[in-house]
Amino acid sequence: GQMNRVRSDATAFVHRDSVWLMDCGMNWTATDTQQTIERNLDWQRAFYNAMLRYSNQQAYQNFADPSLTDYARAYYGSNLPRLSRIKKQVDPNHLVQFAQSIPPA
């Protein structure tokens, strides 16, 4: 609960109203078949979708999730406009980027 004592707009970390944090990860070995991997991923997707109704629809940035359709809202929420402005100011050429990085304003 200590993280919730800070205002959500006081830092880049917006998730200040959470009661719990869920991380659902899967792993497999290099010798597992593609069928095993797909079965694992199917199970993970089904579990994730079943848990969505209990969540606030947010996502912790340090648990990168390529399946998110609106990663910017899920990761950064109401802080996204401010973070995008900062990104444009400190990285005007968008050198620091990856598939789910903060887009510059």
PDB file of N, CA and C in Angstrom:
ATOM      1  N   GLY A   1       0.774  -1.198   0.000  1.00  0.00           N
ATOM      2  CA  GLY A   1       0.000   0.000   0.000  1.00  0.00           C
ATOM      3  C   GLY A   1       0.823   1.274   0.000  1.00  0.00           C
ATOM      4  N   GLN A   2       2.116   1.168   0.298  1.00  0.00           N
ATOM      5  CA  GLN A   2       2.941   2.373   0.371  1.00  0.00           C
ATOM      6  C   GLN A   2       3.004   3.098  -0.968  1.00  0.00           C
ATOM      7  N   MET A   3       3.000   2.367  -2.065  1.00  0.00           N
ATOM      8  CA  MET A   3       3.092   3.037  -3.366  1.00  0.00           C
ATOM      9  C   MET A   3       1.872   3.911  -3.638  1.00  0.00           C
ATOM     10  N   ASN A   4       0.774   3.632  -2.986  1.00  0.00           N
ATOM     11  CA  ASN A   4      -0.441   4.406  -3.198  1.00  0.00           C
ATOM     12  C   ASN A   4      -0.463   5.722  -2.419  1.00  0.00           C
ATOM     13  N   ARG A   5       0.541   5.977  -1.639  1.00  0.00           N
ATOM     14  CA  ARG A   5       0.606   7.241  -0.893  1.00  0.00           C
ATOM     15  C   ARG A   5       1.091   8.394  -1.775  1.00  0.00           C
ATOM     16  N   VAL A   6       1.698   8.069  -2.901  1.00  0.00           N
ATOM     17  CA  VAL A   6       2.194   9.078  -3.841  1.00  0.00           C
ATOM     18  C   VAL A   6       1.097   9.341  -4.872  1.00  0.00           C
ATOM     19  N   ARG A   7       0.911  10.609  -5.235  1.00  0.00           N
ATOM     20  CA  ARG A   7      -0.090  10.949  -6.258  1.00  0.00           C
ATOM     21  C   ARG A   7       0.285  10.285  -7.586  1.00  0.00           C
ATOM     22  N   SER A   8      -0.691   9.896  -8.364  1.00  0.00           N
ATOM     23  CA  SER A   8      -0.431   9.209  -9.635  1.00  0.00           C
ATOM     24  C   SER A   8       0.263  10.099 -10.658  1.00  0.00           C
ATOM     25  N   ASP A   9       0.137  11.425 -10.515  1.00  0.00           N
ATOM     26  CA  ASP A   9       0.802  12.322 -11.464  1.00  0.00           C
ATOM     27  C   ASP A   9       2.119  12.880 -10.932  1.00  0.00           C
ATOM     28  N   ALA A  10       2.572  12.381  -9.793  1.00  0.00           N
ATOM     29  CA  ALA A  10       3.819  12.877  -9.192  1.00  0.00           C
ATOM     30  C   ALA A  10       5.065  12.275  -9.836  1.00  0.00           C
ATOM     31  N   THR A  11       4.928  11.134 -10.464  1.00  0.00           N
ATOM     32  CA  THR A  11       6.049  10.459 -11.118  1.00  0.00           C
ATOM     33  C   THR A  11       5.555   9.878 -12.437  1.00  0.00           C
ATOM     34  N   ALA A  12       6.424   9.225 -13.168  1.00  0.00           N
ATOM     35  CA  ALA A  12       6.016   8.564 -14.412  1.00  0.00           C
ATOM     36  C   ALA A  12       5.133   7.352 -14.132  1.00  0.00           C
ATOM     37  N   PHE A  13       5.269   6.767 -12.962  1.00  0.00           N
ATOM     38  CA  PHE A  13       4.504   5.575 -12.572  1.00  0.00           C
ATOM     39  C   PHE A  13       3.100   5.986 -12.152  1.00  0.00           C
ATOM     40  N   VAL A  14       2.117   5.647 -12.960  1.00  0.00           N
ATOM     41  CA  VAL A  14       0.746   6.110 -12.760  1.00  0.00           C
ATOM     42  C   VAL A  14      -0.090   5.180 -11.872  1.00  0.00           C
ATOM     43  N   HIS A  15       0.340   3.967 -11.684  1.00  0.00           N
ATOM     44  CA  HIS A  15      -0.489   2.932 -11.032  1.00  0.00           C
ATOM     45  C   HIS A  15      -0.487   3.081  -9.507  1.00  0.00           C
ATOM     46  N   ARG A  16      -1.144   4.100  -9.017  1.00  0.00           N
ATOM     47  CA  ARG A  16      -1.129   4.412  -7.582  1.00  0.00           C
ATOM     48  C   ARG A  16      -2.435   4.057  -6.874  1.00  0.00           C
ATOM     49  N   ASP A  17      -3.330   3.377  -7.555  1.00  0.00           N
ATOM     50  CA  ASP A  17      -4.590   2.999  -6.922  1.00  0.00           C
ATOM     51  C   ASP A  17      -4.797   1.487  -6.938  1.00  0.00           C
ATOM     52  N   SER A  18      -3.714   0.758  -7.026  1.00  0.00           N
ATOM     53  CA  SER A  18      -3.796  -0.691  -7.128  1.00  0.00           C
ATOM     54  C   SER A  18      -3.798  -1.351  -5.754  1.00  0.00           C
ATOM     55  N   VAL A  19      -4.548  -2.417  -5.652  1.00  0.00           N
ATOM     56  CA  VAL A  19      -4.574  -3.213  -4.435  1.00  0.00           C
ATOM     57  C   VAL A  19      -3.634  -4.405  -4.593  1.00  0.00           C
ATOM     58  N   TRP A  20      -3.524  -4.912  -5.806  1.00  0.00           N
ATOM     59  CA  TRP A  20      -2.659  -6.055  -6.074  1.00  0.00           C
ATOM     60  C   TRP A  20      -2.080  -5.961  -7.467  1.00  0.00           C
ATOM     61  N   LEU A  21      -1.081  -6.778  -7.714  1.00  0.00           N
ATOM     62  CA  LEU A  21      -0.381  -6.820  -8.997  1.00  0.00           C
ATOM     63  C   LEU A  21      -0.329  -8.275  -9.461  1.00  0.00           C
ATOM     64  N   MET A  22      -0.760  -8.524 -10.678  1.00  0.00           N
ATOM     65  CA  MET A  22      -0.756  -9.878 -11.210  1.00  0.00           C
ATOM     66  C   MET A  22       0.246  -9.963 -12.354  1.00  0.00           C
ATOM     67  N   ASP A  23       1.041 -10.994 -12.339  1.00  0.00           N
ATOM     68  CA  ASP A  23       1.971 -11.272 -13.435  1.00  0.00           C
ATOM     69  C   ASP A  23       1.792 -12.731 -13.807  1.00  0.00           C
ATOM     70  N   CYS A  24       1.443 -12.975 -15.037  1.00  0.00           N
ATOM     71  CA  CYS A  24       1.237 -14.339 -15.512  1.00  0.00           C
ATOM     72  C   CYS A  24       2.268 -14.615 -16.595  1.00  0.00           C
ATOM     73  N   GLY A  25       3.271 -15.366 -16.257  1.00  0.00           N
ATOM     74  CA  GLY A  25       4.329 -15.675 -17.210  1.00  0.00           C
ATOM     75  C   GLY A  25       4.368 -17.151 -17.535  1.00  0.00           C
ATOM     76  N   MET A  26       4.919 -17.453 -18.675  1.00  0.00           N
ATOM     77  CA  MET A  26       5.063 -18.847 -19.108  1.00  0.00           C
ATOM     78  C   MET A  26       6.515 -19.063 -19.513  1.00  0.00           C
ATOM     79  N   ASN A  27       6.927 -20.292 -19.435  1.00  0.00           N
ATOM     80  CA  ASN A  27       8.252 -20.607 -19.965  1.00  0.00           C
ATOM     81  C   ASN A  27       8.244 -22.002 -20.569  1.00  0.00           C
ATOM     82  N   TRP A  28       9.221 -22.237 -21.407  1.00  0.00           N
ATOM     83  CA  TRP A  28       9.403 -23.527 -22.041  1.00  0.00           C
ATOM     84  C   TRP A  28      10.862 -23.643 -22.427  1.00  0.00           C
ATOM     85  N   THR A  29      11.227 -24.802 -22.878  1.00  0.00           N
ATOM     86  CA  THR A  29      12.635 -25.029 -23.217  1.00  0.00           C
ATOM     87  C   THR A  29      12.830 -25.022 -24.725  1.00  0.00           C
ATOM     88  N   ALA A  30      14.067 -24.990 -25.129  1.00  0.00           N
ATOM     89  CA  ALA A  30      14.400 -24.997 -26.558  1.00  0.00           C
ATOM     90  C   ALA A  30      13.984 -26.297 -27.221  1.00  0.00           C
ATOM     91  N   THR A  31      13.779 -27.342 -26.447  1.00  0.00           N
ATOM     92  CA  THR A  31      13.405 -28.640 -27.030  1.00  0.00           C
ATOM     93  C   THR A  31      11.894 -28.851 -27.085  1.00  0.00           C
ATOM     94  N   ASP A  32      11.109 -27.924 -26.523  1.00  0.00           N
ATOM     95  CA  ASP A  32       9.657 -28.064 -26.581  1.00  0.00           C
ATOM     96  C   ASP A  32       9.161 -27.820 -28.001  1.00  0.00           C
ATOM     97  N   THR A  33       8.108 -28.517 -28.352  1.00  0.00           N
ATOM     98  CA  THR A  33       7.553 -28.397 -29.702  1.00  0.00           C
ATOM     99  C   THR A  33       6.773 -27.090 -29.852  1.00  0.00           C
ATOM    100  N   GLN A  34       6.568 -26.683 -31.074  1.00  0.00           N
ATOM    101  CA  GLN A  34       5.750 -25.503 -31.356  1.00  0.00           C
ATOM    102  C   GLN A  34       4.341 -25.704 -30.813  1.00  0.00           C
ATOM    103  N   GLN A  35       3.840 -26.923 -30.890  1.00  0.00           N
ATOM    104  CA  GLN A  35       2.510 -27.231 -30.363  1.00  0.00           C
ATOM    105  C   GLN A  35       2.457 -26.990 -28.845  1.00  0.00           C
ATOM    106  N   THR A  36       3.491 -27.385 -28.135  1.00  0.00           N
ATOM    107  CA  THR A  36       3.555 -27.147 -26.691  1.00  0.00           C
ATOM    108  C   THR A  36       3.593 -25.658 -26.397  1.00  0.00           C
ATOM    109  N   ILE A  37       4.393 -24.934 -27.142  1.00  0.00           N
ATOM    110  CA  ILE A  37       4.493 -23.491 -26.949  1.00  0.00           C
ATOM    111  C   ILE A  37       3.139 -22.826 -27.203  1.00  0.00           C
ATOM    112  N   GLU A  38       2.482 -23.182 -28.291  1.00  0.00           N
ATOM    113  CA  GLU A  38       1.167 -22.605 -28.603  1.00  0.00           C
ATOM    114  C   GLU A  38       0.137 -22.961 -27.544  1.00  0.00           C
ATOM    115  N   ARG A  39       0.190 -24.181 -27.041  1.00  0.00           N
ATOM    116  CA  ARG A  39      -0.730 -24.597 -25.984  1.00  0.00           C
ATOM    117  C   ARG A  39      -0.486 -23.751 -24.718  1.00  0.00           C
ATOM    118  N   ASN A  40       0.781 -23.524 -24.388  1.00  0.00           N
ATOM    119  CA  ASN A  40       1.104 -22.665 -23.243  1.00  0.00           C
ATOM    120  C   ASN A  40       0.561 -21.252 -23.442  1.00  0.00           C
ATOM    121  N   LEU A  41       0.800 -20.696 -24.616  1.00  0.00           N
ATOM    122  CA  LEU A  41       0.337 -19.335 -24.903  1.00  0.00           C
ATOM    123  C   LEU A  41      -1.181 -19.246 -24.902  1.00  0.00           C
ATOM    124  N   ASP A  42      -1.857 -20.265 -25.415  1.00  0.00           N
ATOM    125  CA  ASP A  42      -3.323 -20.291 -25.392  1.00  0.00           C
ATOM    126  C   ASP A  42      -3.839 -20.285 -23.950  1.00  0.00           C
ATOM    127  N   TRP A  43      -3.208 -21.097 -23.105  1.00  0.00           N
ATOM    128  CA  TRP A  43      -3.604 -21.136 -21.694  1.00  0.00           C
ATOM    129  C   TRP A  43      -3.389 -19.776 -21.049  1.00  0.00           C
ATOM    130  N   GLN A  44      -2.246 -19.169 -21.326  1.00  0.00           N
ATOM    131  CA  GLN A  44      -1.930 -17.867 -20.743  1.00  0.00           C
ATOM    132  C   GLN A  44      -2.948 -16.819 -21.189  1.00  0.00           C
ATOM    133  N   ARG A  45      -3.269 -16.789 -22.465  1.00  0.00           N
ATOM    134  CA  ARG A  45      -4.258 -15.828 -22.978  1.00  0.00           C
ATOM    135  C   ARG A  45      -5.626 -16.033 -22.320  1.00  0.00           C
ATOM    136  N   ALA A  46      -6.036 -17.283 -22.198  1.00  0.00           N
ATOM    137  CA  ALA A  46      -7.337 -17.575 -21.588  1.00  0.00           C
ATOM    138  C   ALA A  46      -7.366 -17.142 -20.126  1.00  0.00           C
ATOM    139  N   PHE A  47      -6.297 -17.418 -19.397  1.00  0.00           N
ATOM    140  CA  PHE A  47      -6.229 -17.012 -17.994  1.00  0.00           C
ATOM    141  C   PHE A  47      -6.258 -15.490 -17.878  1.00  0.00           C
ATOM    142  N   TYR A  48      -5.453 -14.836 -18.686  1.00  0.00           N
ATOM    143  CA  TYR A  48      -5.394 -13.368 -18.686  1.00  0.00           C
ATOM    144  C   TYR A  48      -6.779 -12.790 -18.970  1.00  0.00           C
ATOM    145  N   ASN A  49      -7.450 -13.301 -19.989  1.00  0.00           N
ATOM    146  CA  ASN A  49      -8.784 -12.795 -20.341  1.00  0.00           C
ATOM    147  C   ASN A  49      -9.798 -13.050 -19.231  1.00  0.00           C
ATOM    148  N   ALA A  50      -9.686 -14.179 -18.543  1.00  0.00           N
ATOM    149  CA  ALA A  50     -10.597 -14.477 -17.432  1.00  0.00           C
ATOM    150  C   ALA A  50     -10.374 -13.524 -16.266  1.00  0.00           C
ATOM    151  N   MET A  51      -9.150 -13.072 -16.064  1.00  0.00           N
ATOM    152  CA  MET A  51      -8.828 -12.187 -14.946  1.00  0.00           C
ATOM    153  C   MET A  51      -9.114 -10.710 -15.243  1.00  0.00           C
ATOM    154  N   LEU A  52      -9.295 -10.349 -16.500  1.00  0.00           N
ATOM    155  CA  LEU A  52      -9.497  -8.943 -16.864  1.00  0.00           C
ATOM    156  C   LEU A  52     -10.646  -8.288 -16.110  1.00  0.00           C
ATOM    157  N   ARG A  53     -11.722  -9.010 -15.892  1.00  0.00           N
ATOM    158  CA  ARG A  53     -12.879  -8.409 -15.218  1.00  0.00           C
ATOM    159  C   ARG A  53     -12.587  -8.042 -13.768  1.00  0.00           C
ATOM    160  N   TYR A  54     -11.518  -8.583 -13.206  1.00  0.00           N
ATOM    161  CA  TYR A  54     -11.137  -8.267 -11.831  1.00  0.00           C
ATOM    162  C   TYR A  54     -10.052  -7.186 -11.772  1.00  0.00           C
ATOM    163  N   SER A  55      -9.633  -6.710 -12.916  1.00  0.00           N
ATOM    164  CA  SER A  55      -8.508  -5.779 -12.959  1.00  0.00           C
ATOM    165  C   SER A  55      -8.966  -4.361 -13.278  1.00  0.00           C
ATOM    166  N   ASN A  56      -8.026  -3.435 -13.184  1.00  0.00           N
ATOM    167  CA  ASN A  56      -8.304  -2.038 -13.531  1.00  0.00           C
ATOM    168  C   ASN A  56      -7.891  -1.734 -14.971  1.00  0.00           C
ATOM    169  N   GLN A  57      -7.570  -2.766 -15.740  1.00  0.00           N
ATOM    170  CA  GLN A  57      -7.208  -2.656 -17.155  1.00  0.00           C
ATOM    171  C   GLN A  57      -5.890  -1.926 -17.366  1.00  0.00           C
ATOM    172  N   GLN A  58      -5.085  -1.810 -16.322  1.00  0.00           N
ATOM    173  CA  GLN A  58      -3.777  -1.186 -16.440  1.00  0.00           C
ATOM    174  C   GLN A  58      -2.712  -2.276 -16.540  1.00  0.00           C
ATOM    175  N   ALA A  59      -1.503  -1.878 -16.922  1.00  0.00           N
ATOM    176  CA  ALA A  59      -0.406  -2.835 -17.039  1.00  0.00           C
ATOM    177  C   ALA A  59       0.878  -2.179 -16.542  1.00  0.00           C
ATOM    178  N   TYR A  60       1.656  -2.939 -15.820  1.00  0.00           N
ATOM    179  CA  TYR A  60       2.921  -2.452 -15.277  1.00  0.00           C
ATOM    180  C   TYR A  60       3.968  -2.481 -16.386  1.00  0.00           C
ATOM    181  N   GLN A  61       4.604  -1.336 -16.637  1.00  0.00           N
ATOM    182  CA  GLN A  61       5.545  -1.196 -17.745  1.00  0.00           C
ATOM    183  C   GLN A  61       6.685  -2.215 -17.702  1.00  0.00           C
ATOM    184  N   ASN A  62       7.107  -2.614 -16.530  1.00  0.00           N
ATOM    185  CA  ASN A  62       8.234  -3.551 -16.421  1.00  0.00           C
ATOM    186  C   ASN A  62       7.852  -4.980 -16.762  1.00  0.00           C
ATOM    187  N   PHE A  63       6.566  -5.235 -16.971  1.00  0.00           N
ATOM    188  CA  PHE A  63       6.101  -6.534 -17.457  1.00  0.00           C
ATOM    189  C   PHE A  63       5.662  -6.327 -18.907  1.00  0.00           C
ATOM    190  N   ALA A  64       6.608  -6.155 -19.794  1.00  0.00           N
ATOM    191  CA  ALA A  64       6.283  -5.890 -21.206  1.00  0.00           C
ATOM    192  C   ALA A  64       5.336  -6.959 -21.728  1.00  0.00           C
ATOM    193  N   ASP A  65       4.286  -6.512 -22.388  1.00  0.00           N
ATOM    194  CA  ASP A  65       3.262  -7.422 -22.903  1.00  0.00           C
ATOM    195  C   ASP A  65       2.946  -7.067 -24.349  1.00  0.00           C
ATOM    196  N   PRO A  66       3.541  -7.783 -25.301  1.00  0.00           N
ATOM    197  CA  PRO A  66       3.301  -7.469 -26.717  1.00  0.00           C
ATOM    198  C   PRO A  66       1.864  -7.702 -27.164  1.00  0.00           C
ATOM    199  N   SER A  67       1.055  -8.357 -26.346  1.00  0.00           N
ATOM    200  CA  SER A  67      -0.332  -8.610 -26.745  1.00  0.00           C
ATOM    201  C   SER A  67      -1.266  -7.447 -26.424  1.00  0.00           C
ATOM    202  N   LEU A  68      -0.787  -6.445 -25.704  1.00  0.00           N
ATOM    203  CA  LEU A  68      -1.650  -5.308 -25.381  1.00  0.00           C
ATOM    204  C   LEU A  68      -2.013  -4.534 -26.640  1.00  0.00           C
ATOM    205  N   THR A  69      -3.288  -4.261 -26.810  1.00  0.00           N
ATOM    206  CA  THR A  69      -3.710  -3.518 -28.002  1.00  0.00           C
ATOM    207  C   THR A  69      -3.587  -2.013 -27.799  1.00  0.00           C
ATOM    208  N   ASP A  70      -3.678  -1.555 -26.555  1.00  0.00           N
ATOM    209  CA  ASP A  70      -3.533  -0.128 -26.253  1.00  0.00           C
ATOM    210  C   ASP A  70      -2.503   0.009 -25.135  1.00  0.00           C
ATOM    211  N   TYR A  71      -1.261  -0.342 -25.443  1.00  0.00           N
ATOM    212  CA  TYR A  71      -0.212  -0.371 -24.428  1.00  0.00           C
ATOM    213  C   TYR A  71       0.005   1.000 -23.786  1.00  0.00           C
ATOM    214  N   ALA A  72      -0.101   2.079 -24.551  1.00  0.00           N
ATOM    215  CA  ALA A  72       0.178   3.409 -24.015  1.00  0.00           C
ATOM    216  C   ALA A  72      -0.796   3.755 -22.889  1.00  0.00           C
ATOM    217  N   ARG A  73      -2.060   3.494 -23.083  1.00  0.00           N
ATOM    218  CA  ARG A  73      -3.055   3.748 -22.034  1.00  0.00           C
ATOM    219  C   ARG A  73      -2.831   2.804 -20.858  1.00  0.00           C
ATOM    220  N   ALA A  74      -2.596   1.528 -21.145  1.00  0.00           N
ATOM    221  CA  ALA A  74      -2.427   0.545 -20.073  1.00  0.00           C
ATOM    222  C   ALA A  74      -1.187   0.821 -19.234  1.00  0.00           C
ATOM    223  N   TYR A  75      -0.088   1.187 -19.879  1.00  0.00           N
ATOM    224  CA  TYR A  75       1.164   1.439 -19.153  1.00  0.00           C
ATOM    225  C   TYR A  75       1.210   2.808 -18.485  1.00  0.00           C
ATOM    226  N   TYR A  76       0.777   3.832 -19.187  1.00  0.00           N
ATOM    227  CA  TYR A  76       1.030   5.207 -18.744  1.00  0.00           C
ATOM    228  C   TYR A  76      -0.216   5.987 -18.337  1.00  0.00           C
ATOM    229  N   GLY A  77      -1.394   5.525 -18.720  1.00  0.00           N
ATOM    230  CA  GLY A  77      -2.648   6.142 -18.318  1.00  0.00           C
ATOM    231  C   GLY A  77      -2.687   7.649 -18.516  1.00  0.00           C
ATOM    232  N   SER A  78      -3.176   8.338 -17.515  1.00  0.00           N
ATOM    233  CA  SER A  78      -3.335   9.791 -17.598  1.00  0.00           C
ATOM    234  C   SER A  78      -1.995  10.527 -17.641  1.00  0.00           C
ATOM    235  N   ASN A  79      -0.902   9.846 -17.370  1.00  0.00           N
ATOM    236  CA  ASN A  79       0.424  10.475 -17.440  1.00  0.00           C
ATOM    237  C   ASN A  79       0.988  10.516 -18.864  1.00  0.00           C
ATOM    238  N   LEU A  80       0.351   9.834 -19.808  1.00  0.00           N
ATOM    239  CA  LEU A  80       0.900   9.744 -21.159  1.00  0.00           C
ATOM    240  C   LEU A  80       1.119  11.102 -21.826  1.00  0.00           C
ATOM    241  N   PRO A  81       0.167  12.033 -21.816  1.00  0.00           N
ATOM    242  CA  PRO A  81       0.428  13.323 -22.482  1.00  0.00           C
ATOM    243  C   PRO A  81       1.671  14.032 -21.934  1.00  0.00           C
ATOM    244  N   ARG A  82       1.814  14.040 -20.608  1.00  0.00           N
ATOM    245  CA  ARG A  82       2.985  14.692 -19.995  1.00  0.00           C
ATOM    246  C   ARG A  82       4.266  13.945 -20.351  1.00  0.00           C
ATOM    247  N   LEU A  83       4.228  12.631 -20.311  1.00  0.00           N
ATOM    248  CA  LEU A  83       5.413  11.843 -20.644  1.00  0.00           C
ATOM    249  C   LEU A  83       5.790  12.000 -22.120  1.00  0.00           C
ATOM    250  N   SER A  84       4.802  12.126 -22.984  1.00  0.00           N
ATOM    251  CA  SER A  84       5.080  12.351 -24.410  1.00  0.00           C
ATOM    252  C   SER A  84       5.744  13.704 -24.643  1.00  0.00           C
ATOM    253  N   ARG A  85       5.289  14.716 -23.911  1.00  0.00           N
ATOM    254  CA  ARG A  85       5.918  16.038 -24.029  1.00  0.00           C
ATOM    255  C   ARG A  85       7.369  15.988 -23.541  1.00  0.00           C
ATOM    256  N   ILE A  86       7.593  15.301 -22.441  1.00  0.00           N
ATOM    257  CA  ILE A  86       8.961  15.157 -21.928  1.00  0.00           C
ATOM    258  C   ILE A  86       9.817  14.377 -22.920  1.00  0.00           C
ATOM    259  N   LYS A  87       9.261  13.325 -23.485  1.00  0.00           N
ATOM    260  CA  LYS A  87       9.981  12.522 -24.475  1.00  0.00           C
ATOM    261  C   LYS A  87      10.413  13.396 -25.657  1.00  0.00           C
ATOM    262  N   LYS A  88       9.519  14.227 -26.140  1.00  0.00           N
ATOM    263  CA  LYS A  88       9.846  15.111 -27.265  1.00  0.00           C
ATOM    264  C   LYS A  88      10.947  16.094 -26.892  1.00  0.00           C
ATOM    265  N   GLN A  89      10.925  16.555 -25.658  1.00  0.00           N
ATOM    266  CA  GLN A  89      11.909  17.539 -25.198  1.00  0.00           C
ATOM    267  C   GLN A  89      13.292  16.906 -25.008  1.00  0.00           C
ATOM    268  N   VAL A  90      13.363  15.754 -24.379  1.00  0.00           N
ATOM    269  CA  VAL A  90      14.666  15.162 -24.063  1.00  0.00           C
ATOM    270  C   VAL A  90      15.190  14.230 -25.152  1.00  0.00           C
ATOM    271  N   ASP A  91      14.308  13.781 -26.046  1.00  0.00           N
ATOM    272  CA  ASP A  91      14.720  12.884 -27.130  1.00  0.00           C
ATOM    273  C   ASP A  91      14.013  13.304 -28.419  1.00  0.00           C
ATOM    274  N   PRO A  92      14.329  14.501 -28.935  1.00  0.00           N
ATOM    275  CA  PRO A  92      13.599  15.036 -30.093  1.00  0.00           C
ATOM    276  C   PRO A  92      13.737  14.186 -31.356  1.00  0.00           C
ATOM    277  N   ASN A  93      14.801  13.405 -31.448  1.00  0.00           N
ATOM    278  CA  ASN A  93      14.994  12.556 -32.634  1.00  0.00           C
ATOM    279  C   ASN A  93      14.491  11.132 -32.429  1.00  0.00           C
ATOM    280  N   HIS A  94      13.864  10.889 -31.289  1.00  0.00           N
ATOM    281  CA  HIS A  94      13.252   9.590 -30.981  1.00  0.00           C
ATOM    282  C   HIS A  94      14.273   8.449 -31.119  1.00  0.00           C
ATOM    283  N   LEU A  95      15.468   8.681 -30.571  1.00  0.00           N
ATOM    284  CA  LEU A  95      16.525   7.668 -30.610  1.00  0.00           C
ATOM    285  C   LEU A  95      16.250   6.509 -29.666  1.00  0.00           C
ATOM    286  N   VAL A  96      15.682   6.807 -28.502  1.00  0.00           N
ATOM    287  CA  VAL A  96      15.369   5.766 -27.529  1.00  0.00           C
ATOM    288  C   VAL A  96      13.959   5.274 -27.820  1.00  0.00           C
ATOM    289  N   GLN A  97      13.877   4.124 -28.444  1.00  0.00           N
ATOM    290  CA  GLN A  97      12.565   3.605 -28.806  1.00  0.00           C
ATOM    291  C   GLN A  97      12.577   2.091 -28.890  1.00  0.00           C
ATOM    292  N   PHE A  98      11.403   1.535 -28.721  1.00  0.00           N
ATOM    293  CA  PHE A  98      11.153   0.104 -28.903  1.00  0.00           C
ATOM    294  C   PHE A  98       9.667  -0.019 -29.222  1.00  0.00           C
ATOM    295  N   ALA A  99       9.209  -1.204 -29.438  1.00  0.00           N
ATOM    296  CA  ALA A  99       7.841  -1.395 -29.920  1.00  0.00           C
ATOM    297  C   ALA A  99       6.785  -0.742 -29.032  1.00  0.00           C
ATOM    298  N   GLN A 100       7.018  -0.639 -27.723  1.00  0.00           N
ATOM    299  CA  GLN A 100       6.028  -0.066 -26.827  1.00  0.00           C
ATOM    300  C   GLN A 100       6.585   1.131 -26.053  1.00  0.00           C
ATOM    301  N   SER A 101       7.455   1.877 -26.686  1.00  0.00           N
ATOM    302  CA  SER A 101       8.018   3.053 -26.006  1.00  0.00           C
ATOM    303  C   SER A 101       7.004   4.203 -26.006  1.00  0.00           C
ATOM    304  N   ILE A 102       7.316   5.190 -25.199  1.00  0.00           N
ATOM    305  CA  ILE A 102       6.467   6.377 -25.119  1.00  0.00           C
ATOM    306  C   ILE A 102       6.606   7.144 -26.435  1.00  0.00           C
ATOM    307  N   PRO A 103       5.497   7.387 -27.115  1.00  0.00           N
ATOM    308  CA  PRO A 103       5.586   8.149 -28.364  1.00  0.00           C
ATOM    309  C   PRO A 103       5.833   9.627 -28.060  1.00  0.00           C
ATOM    310  N   PRO A 104       6.674  10.288 -28.850  1.00  0.00           N
ATOM    311  CA  PRO A 104       6.893  11.723 -28.625  1.00  0.00           C
ATOM    312  C   PRO A 104       5.644  12.516 -28.996  1.00  0.00           C
ATOM    313  N   ALA A 105       5.424  13.618 -28.311  1.00  0.00           N
ATOM    314  CA  ALA A 105       4.252  14.472 -28.595  1.00  0.00           C
ATOM    315  C   ALA A 105       4.384  15.086 -29.979  1.00  0.00           C
TER     316      ALA A 105
END
